[in-house]
Amino acid sequence: MDSLRKIPVALITALVVQTIGGLVWAGGAAARIATLEERVGEQRLVAERLARLEAQGEATRAAVERIEHRLEARR
């Protein structure tokens, strides 16, 4: 009879320990996900800035080419 009473207590204890472990793991996973989301948000801003810089570079290149063509035409 004693062994039957100990089994459920051991089972309940194991379930409680596993539940606590799962909650700790989930909390850590949530923190990692939040960090990754923050990094992705920062990368979006950098990507937008890079796209603007590329567009400005292309416009500058086109302006330089126009200036070169005008200078060559005057020679």
PDB file of N, CA and C in Angstrom:
ATOM      1  N   MET A   1       0.809  -1.206   0.000  1.00  0.00           N
ATOM      2  CA  MET A   1       0.000   0.000   0.000  1.00  0.00           C
ATOM      3  C   MET A   1       0.844   1.258   0.000  1.00  0.00           C
ATOM      4  N   ASP A   2       1.945   1.239   0.747  1.00  0.00           N
ATOM      5  CA  ASP A   2       2.804   2.415   0.805  1.00  0.00           C
ATOM      6  C   ASP A   2       3.391   2.743  -0.564  1.00  0.00           C
ATOM      7  N   SER A   3       3.751   1.712  -1.317  1.00  0.00           N
ATOM      8  CA  SER A   3       4.350   1.953  -2.633  1.00  0.00           C
ATOM      9  C   SER A   3       3.335   2.580  -3.583  1.00  0.00           C
ATOM     10  N   LEU A   4       2.055   2.270  -3.440  1.00  0.00           N
ATOM     11  CA  LEU A   4       1.033   2.876  -4.282  1.00  0.00           C
ATOM     12  C   LEU A   4       0.829   4.352  -3.947  1.00  0.00           C
ATOM     13  N   ARG A   5       1.000   4.720  -2.712  1.00  0.00           N
ATOM     14  CA  ARG A   5       0.847   6.119  -2.323  1.00  0.00           C
ATOM     15  C   ARG A   5       2.057   6.942  -2.751  1.00  0.00           C
ATOM     16  N   LYS A   6       3.231   6.336  -2.795  1.00  0.00           N
ATOM     17  CA  LYS A   6       4.443   7.053  -3.172  1.00  0.00           C
ATOM     18  C   LYS A   6       4.504   7.312  -4.674  1.00  0.00           C
ATOM     19  N   ILE A   7       3.954   6.446  -5.453  1.00  0.00           N
ATOM     20  CA  ILE A   7       4.007   6.609  -6.908  1.00  0.00           C
ATOM     21  C   ILE A   7       3.273   7.879  -7.341  1.00  0.00           C
ATOM     22  N   PRO A   8       2.045   8.132  -6.914  1.00  0.00           N
ATOM     23  CA  PRO A   8       1.399   9.363  -7.338  1.00  0.00           C
ATOM     24  C   PRO A   8       2.119  10.625  -6.853  1.00  0.00           C
ATOM     25  N   VAL A   9       2.679  10.595  -5.657  1.00  0.00           N
ATOM     26  CA  VAL A   9       3.414  11.761  -5.159  1.00  0.00           C
ATOM     27  C   VAL A   9       4.638  11.990  -6.032  1.00  0.00           C
ATOM     28  N   ALA A  10       5.347  10.926  -6.377  1.00  0.00           N
ATOM     29  CA  ALA A  10       6.514  11.046  -7.241  1.00  0.00           C
ATOM     30  C   ALA A  10       6.113  11.535  -8.630  1.00  0.00           C
ATOM     31  N   LEU A  11       4.996  11.029  -9.115  1.00  0.00           N
ATOM     32  CA  LEU A  11       4.497  11.437 -10.426  1.00  0.00           C
ATOM     33  C   LEU A  11       4.108  12.916 -10.416  1.00  0.00           C
ATOM     34  N   ILE A  12       3.404  13.323  -9.398  1.00  0.00           N
ATOM     35  CA  ILE A  12       2.999  14.730  -9.273  1.00  0.00           C
ATOM     36  C   ILE A  12       4.233  15.616  -9.148  1.00  0.00           C
ATOM     37  N   THR A  13       5.208  15.194  -8.370  1.00  0.00           N
ATOM     38  CA  THR A  13       6.442  15.968  -8.212  1.00  0.00           C
ATOM     39  C   THR A  13       7.167  16.097  -9.548  1.00  0.00           C
ATOM     40  N   ALA A  14       7.242  15.004 -10.282  1.00  0.00           N
ATOM     41  CA  ALA A  14       7.896  15.035 -11.594  1.00  0.00           C
ATOM     42  C   ALA A  14       7.163  15.978 -12.544  1.00  0.00           C
ATOM     43  N   LEU A  15       5.845  15.935 -12.545  1.00  0.00           N
ATOM     44  CA  LEU A  15       5.065  16.825 -13.406  1.00  0.00           C
ATOM     45  C   LEU A  15       5.257  18.289 -13.025  1.00  0.00           C
ATOM     46  N   VAL A  16       5.313  18.563 -11.732  1.00  0.00           N
ATOM     47  CA  VAL A  16       5.528  19.943 -11.277  1.00  0.00           C
ATOM     48  C   VAL A  16       6.904  20.439 -11.712  1.00  0.00           C
ATOM     49  N   VAL A  17       7.918  19.593 -11.531  1.00  0.00           N
ATOM     50  CA  VAL A  17       9.277  19.979 -11.919  1.00  0.00           C
ATOM     51  C   VAL A  17       9.357  20.203 -13.424  1.00  0.00           C
ATOM     52  N   GLN A  18       8.741  19.333 -14.197  1.00  0.00           N
ATOM     53  CA  GLN A  18       8.750  19.493 -15.649  1.00  0.00           C
ATOM     54  C   GLN A  18       7.994  20.746 -16.075  1.00  0.00           C
ATOM     55  N   THR A  19       6.891  21.028 -15.405  1.00  0.00           N
ATOM     56  CA  THR A  19       6.121  22.232 -15.724  1.00  0.00           C
ATOM     57  C   THR A  19       6.934  23.493 -15.439  1.00  0.00           C
ATOM     58  N   ILE A  20       7.600  23.503 -14.295  1.00  0.00           N
ATOM     59  CA  ILE A  20       8.443  24.656 -13.949  1.00  0.00           C
ATOM     60  C   ILE A  20       9.566  24.800 -14.977  1.00  0.00           C
ATOM     61  N   GLY A  21      10.177  23.696 -15.331  1.00  0.00           N
ATOM     62  CA  GLY A  21      11.233  23.725 -16.350  1.00  0.00           C
ATOM     63  C   GLY A  21      10.713  24.237 -17.684  1.00  0.00           C
ATOM     64  N   GLY A  22       9.532  23.807 -18.070  1.00  0.00           N
ATOM     65  CA  GLY A  22       8.922  24.273 -19.318  1.00  0.00           C
ATOM     66  C   GLY A  22       8.636  25.761 -19.295  1.00  0.00           C
ATOM     67  N   LEU A  23       8.166  26.250 -18.147  1.00  0.00           N
ATOM     68  CA  LEU A  23       7.887  27.683 -18.036  1.00  0.00           C
ATOM     69  C   LEU A  23       9.169  28.513 -18.102  1.00  0.00           C
ATOM     70  N   VAL A  24      10.228  28.024 -17.474  1.00  0.00           N
ATOM     71  CA  VAL A  24      11.525  28.718 -17.537  1.00  0.00           C
ATOM     72  C   VAL A  24      12.033  28.729 -18.975  1.00  0.00           C
ATOM     73  N   TRP A  25      11.929  27.597 -19.640  1.00  0.00           N
ATOM     74  CA  TRP A  25      12.364  27.512 -21.037  1.00  0.00           C
ATOM     75  C   TRP A  25      11.548  28.461 -21.913  1.00  0.00           C
ATOM     76  N   ALA A  26      10.235  28.485 -21.721  1.00  0.00           N
ATOM     77  CA  ALA A  26       9.371  29.368 -22.518  1.00  0.00           C
ATOM     78  C   ALA A  26       9.725  30.830 -22.267  1.00  0.00           C
ATOM     79  N   GLY A  27      10.039  31.180 -21.028  1.00  0.00           N
ATOM     80  CA  GLY A  27      10.444  32.553 -20.725  1.00  0.00           C
ATOM     81  C   GLY A  27      11.732  32.923 -21.435  1.00  0.00           C
ATOM     82  N   GLY A  28      12.687  32.019 -21.449  1.00  0.00           N
ATOM     83  CA  GLY A  28      13.937  32.260 -22.165  1.00  0.00           C
ATOM     84  C   GLY A  28      13.717  32.380 -23.660  1.00  0.00           C
ATOM     85  N   ALA A  29      12.850  31.528 -24.189  1.00  0.00           N
ATOM     86  CA  ALA A  29      12.545  31.586 -25.618  1.00  0.00           C
ATOM     87  C   ALA A  29      11.860  32.904 -25.968  1.00  0.00           C
ATOM     88  N   ALA A  30      10.973  33.362 -25.117  1.00  0.00           N
ATOM     89  CA  ALA A  30      10.295  34.635 -25.372  1.00  0.00           C
ATOM     90  C   ALA A  30      11.296  35.785 -25.368  1.00  0.00           C
ATOM     91  N   ALA A  31      12.270  35.741 -24.484  1.00  0.00           N
ATOM     92  CA  ALA A  31      13.294  36.793 -24.441  1.00  0.00           C
ATOM     93  C   ALA A  31      14.144  36.760 -25.705  1.00  0.00           C
ATOM     94  N   ARG A  32      14.506  35.568 -26.161  1.00  0.00           N
ATOM     95  CA  ARG A  32      15.298  35.466 -27.396  1.00  0.00           C
ATOM     96  C   ARG A  32      14.504  35.968 -28.591  1.00  0.00           C
ATOM     97  N   ILE A  33      13.230  35.637 -28.648  1.00  0.00           N
ATOM     98  CA  ILE A  33      12.383  36.090 -29.752  1.00  0.00           C
ATOM     99  C   ILE A  33      12.264  37.613 -29.740  1.00  0.00           C
ATOM    100  N   ALA A  34      12.102  38.196 -28.571  1.00  0.00           N
ATOM    101  CA  ALA A  34      12.008  39.655 -28.469  1.00  0.00           C
ATOM    102  C   ALA A  34      13.299  40.311 -28.957  1.00  0.00           C
ATOM    103  N   THR A  35      14.435  39.734 -28.602  1.00  0.00           N
ATOM    104  CA  THR A  35      15.720  40.275 -29.056  1.00  0.00           C
ATOM    105  C   THR A  35      15.836  40.181 -30.572  1.00  0.00           C
ATOM    106  N   LEU A  36      15.448  39.055 -31.128  1.00  0.00           N
ATOM    107  CA  LEU A  36      15.502  38.885 -32.584  1.00  0.00           C
ATOM    108  C   LEU A  36      14.569  39.857 -33.292  1.00  0.00           C
ATOM    109  N   GLU A  37      13.375  40.074 -32.757  1.00  0.00           N
ATOM    110  CA  GLU A  37      12.448  41.024 -33.363  1.00  0.00           C
ATOM    111  C   GLU A  37      13.024  42.434 -33.343  1.00  0.00           C
ATOM    112  N   GLU A  38      13.707  42.780 -32.265  1.00  0.00           N
ATOM    113  CA  GLU A  38      14.334  44.104 -32.176  1.00  0.00           C
ATOM    114  C   GLU A  38      15.430  44.244 -33.230  1.00  0.00           C
ATOM    115  N   ARG A  39      16.234  43.211 -33.389  1.00  0.00           N
ATOM    116  CA  ARG A  39      17.295  43.255 -34.403  1.00  0.00           C
ATOM    117  C   ARG A  39      16.722  43.374 -35.807  1.00  0.00           C
ATOM    118  N   VAL A  40      15.655  42.648 -36.078  1.00  0.00           N
ATOM    119  CA  VAL A  40      15.032  42.708 -37.401  1.00  0.00           C
ATOM    120  C   VAL A  40      14.505  44.118 -37.657  1.00  0.00           C
ATOM    121  N   GLY A  41      13.921  44.736 -36.639  1.00  0.00           N
ATOM    122  CA  GLY A  41      13.446  46.114 -36.786  1.00  0.00           C
ATOM    123  C   GLY A  41      14.576  47.070 -37.098  1.00  0.00           C
ATOM    124  N   GLU A  42      15.727  46.891 -36.438  1.00  0.00           N
ATOM    125  CA  GLU A  42      16.890  47.730 -36.718  1.00  0.00           C
ATOM    126  C   GLU A  42      17.396  47.495 -38.133  1.00  0.00           C
ATOM    127  N   GLN A  43      17.396  46.252 -38.563  1.00  0.00           N
ATOM    128  CA  GLN A  43      17.879  45.941 -39.907  1.00  0.00           C
ATOM    129  C   GLN A  43      16.971  46.529 -40.971  1.00  0.00           C
ATOM    130  N   ARG A  44      15.682  46.618 -40.699  1.00  0.00           N
ATOM    131  CA  ARG A  44      14.769  47.241 -41.655  1.00  0.00           C
ATOM    132  C   ARG A  44      15.130  48.703 -41.855  1.00  0.00           C
ATOM    133  N   LEU A  45      15.431  49.390 -40.750  1.00  0.00           N
ATOM    134  CA  LEU A  45      15.824  50.792 -40.850  1.00  0.00           C
ATOM    135  C   LEU A  45      17.113  50.934 -41.648  1.00  0.00           C
ATOM    136  N   VAL A  46      18.061  50.059 -41.395  1.00  0.00           N
ATOM    137  CA  VAL A  46      19.326  50.106 -42.125  1.00  0.00           C
ATOM    138  C   VAL A  46      19.087  49.816 -43.602  1.00  0.00           C
ATOM    139  N   ALA A  47      18.232  48.867 -43.907  1.00  0.00           N
ATOM    140  CA  ALA A  47      17.932  48.533 -45.298  1.00  0.00           C
ATOM    141  C   ALA A  47      17.272  49.714 -46.010  1.00  0.00           C
ATOM    142  N   GLU A  48      16.376  50.415 -45.328  1.00  0.00           N
ATOM    143  CA  GLU A  48      15.745  51.588 -45.926  1.00  0.00           C
ATOM    144  C   GLU A  48      16.771  52.674 -46.197  1.00  0.00           C
ATOM    145  N   ARG A  49      17.654  52.911 -45.249  1.00  0.00           N
ATOM    146  CA  ARG A  49      18.704  53.920 -45.441  1.00  0.00           C
ATOM    147  C   ARG A  49      19.617  53.537 -46.597  1.00  0.00           C
ATOM    148  N   LEU A  50      19.967  52.262 -46.671  1.00  0.00           N
ATOM    149  CA  LEU A  50      20.829  51.791 -47.749  1.00  0.00           C
ATOM    150  C   LEU A  50      20.151  51.986 -49.105  1.00  0.00           C
ATOM    151  N   ALA A  51      18.867  51.710 -49.179  1.00  0.00           N
ATOM    152  CA  ALA A  51      18.138  51.899 -50.434  1.00  0.00           C
ATOM    153  C   ALA A  51      18.147  53.374 -50.838  1.00  0.00           C
ATOM    154  N   ARG A  52      17.958  54.266 -49.854  1.00  0.00           N
ATOM    155  CA  ARG A  52      18.006  55.701 -50.159  1.00  0.00           C
ATOM    156  C   ARG A  52      19.394  56.119 -50.632  1.00  0.00           C
ATOM    157  N   LEU A  53      20.433  55.608 -49.980  1.00  0.00           N
ATOM    158  CA  LEU A  53      21.796  55.938 -50.394  1.00  0.00           C
ATOM    159  C   LEU A  53      22.091  55.431 -51.804  1.00  0.00           C
ATOM    160  N   GLU A  54      21.607  54.254 -52.123  1.00  0.00           N
ATOM    161  CA  GLU A  54      21.804  53.719 -53.472  1.00  0.00           C
ATOM    162  C   GLU A  54      21.121  54.601 -54.498  1.00  0.00           C
ATOM    163  N   ALA A  55      19.905  55.039 -54.195  1.00  0.00           N
ATOM    164  CA  ALA A  55      19.181  55.921 -55.116  1.00  0.00           C
ATOM    165  C   ALA A  55      19.922  57.252 -55.279  1.00  0.00           C
ATOM    166  N   GLN A  56      20.433  57.789 -54.186  1.00  0.00           N
ATOM    167  CA  GLN A  56      21.195  59.033 -54.264  1.00  0.00           C
ATOM    168  C   GLN A  56      22.473  58.846 -55.073  1.00  0.00           C
ATOM    169  N   GLY A  57      23.122  57.710 -54.890  1.00  0.00           N
ATOM    170  CA  GLY A  57      24.334  57.409 -55.650  1.00  0.00           C
ATOM    171  C   GLY A  57      24.051  57.322 -57.139  1.00  0.00           C
ATOM    172  N   GLU A  58      22.949  56.694 -57.504  1.00  0.00           N
ATOM    173  CA  GLU A  58      22.577  56.587 -58.916  1.00  0.00           C
ATOM    174  C   GLU A  58      22.266  57.964 -59.490  1.00  0.00           C
ATOM    175  N   ALA A  59      21.576  58.787 -58.715  1.00  0.00           N
ATOM    176  CA  ALA A  59      21.262  60.142 -59.185  1.00  0.00           C
ATOM    177  C   ALA A  59      22.541  60.952 -59.341  1.00  0.00           C
ATOM    178  N   THR A  60      23.462  60.803 -58.426  1.00  0.00           N
ATOM    179  CA  THR A  60      24.742  61.516 -58.518  1.00  0.00           C
ATOM    180  C   THR A  60      25.524  61.045 -59.735  1.00  0.00           C
ATOM    181  N   ARG A  61      25.528  59.745 -59.964  1.00  0.00           N
ATOM    182  CA  ARG A  61      26.225  59.196 -61.132  1.00  0.00           C
ATOM    183  C   ARG A  61      25.625  59.745 -62.420  1.00  0.00           C
ATOM    184  N   ALA A  62      24.306  59.804 -62.484  1.00  0.00           N
ATOM    185  CA  ALA A  62      23.645  60.338 -63.678  1.00  0.00           C
ATOM    186  C   ALA A  62      23.990  61.816 -63.866  1.00  0.00           C
ATOM    187  N   ALA A  63      24.037  62.568 -62.783  1.00  0.00           N
ATOM    188  CA  ALA A  63      24.369  63.994 -62.882  1.00  0.00           C
ATOM    189  C   ALA A  63      25.812  64.163 -63.358  1.00  0.00           C
ATOM    190  N   VAL A  64      26.728  63.364 -62.856  1.00  0.00           N
ATOM    191  CA  VAL A  64      28.129  63.450 -63.280  1.00  0.00           C
ATOM    192  C   VAL A  64      28.245  63.108 -64.761  1.00  0.00           C
ATOM    193  N   GLU A  65      27.529  62.108 -65.206  1.00  0.00           N
ATOM    194  CA  GLU A  65      27.561  61.738 -66.626  1.00  0.00           C
ATOM    195  C   GLU A  65      27.038  62.876 -67.497  1.00  0.00           C
ATOM    196  N   ARG A  66      25.964  63.536 -67.049  1.00  0.00           N
ATOM    197  CA  ARG A  66      25.441  64.679 -67.813  1.00  0.00           C
ATOM    198  C   ARG A  66      26.481  65.798 -67.887  1.00  0.00           C
ATOM    199  N   ILE A  67      27.132  66.048 -66.756  1.00  0.00           N
ATOM    200  CA  ILE A  67      28.160  67.098 -66.734  1.00  0.00           C
ATOM    201  C   ILE A  67      29.313  66.729 -67.673  1.00  0.00           C
ATOM    202  N   GLU A  68      29.730  65.470 -67.636  1.00  0.00           N
ATOM    203  CA  GLU A  68      30.813  65.033 -68.523  1.00  0.00           C
ATOM    204  C   GLU A  68      30.430  65.187 -69.983  1.00  0.00           C
ATOM    205  N   HIS A  69      29.194  64.820 -70.328  1.00  0.00           N
ATOM    206  CA  HIS A  69      28.735  64.951 -71.718  1.00  0.00           C
ATOM    207  C   HIS A  69      28.741  66.420 -72.146  1.00  0.00           C
ATOM    208  N   ARG A  70      28.316  67.304 -71.269  1.00  0.00           N
ATOM    209  CA  ARG A  70      28.317  68.737 -71.608  1.00  0.00           C
ATOM    210  C   ARG A  70      29.744  69.246 -71.799  1.00  0.00           C
ATOM    211  N   LEU A  71      30.640  68.817 -70.914  1.00  0.00           N
ATOM    212  CA  LEU A  71      32.024  69.253 -71.052  1.00  0.00           C
ATOM    213  C   LEU A  71      32.657  68.734 -72.330  1.00  0.00           C
ATOM    214  N   GLU A  72      32.358  67.484 -72.678  1.00  0.00           N
ATOM    215  CA  GLU A  72      32.886  66.911 -73.910  1.00  0.00           C
ATOM    216  C   GLU A  72      32.302  67.605 -75.128  1.00  0.00           C
ATOM    217  N   ALA A  73      31.049  68.003 -75.065  1.00  0.00           N
ATOM    218  CA  ALA A  73      30.400  68.664 -76.195  1.00  0.00           C
ATOM    219  C   ALA A  73      31.013  70.039 -76.440  1.00  0.00           C
ATOM    220  N   ARG A  74      31.529  70.698 -75.424  1.00  0.00           N
ATOM    221  CA  ARG A  74      32.119  72.036 -75.561  1.00  0.00           C
ATOM    222  C   ARG A  74      33.514  71.971 -76.186  1.00  0.00           C
ATOM    223  N   ARG A  75      34.160  70.849 -76.159  1.00  0.00           N
ATOM    224  CA  ARG A  75      35.528  70.735 -76.691  1.00  0.00           C
ATOM    225  C   ARG A  75      35.544  70.746 -78.160  1.00  0.00           C
TER     226      ARG A  75
END
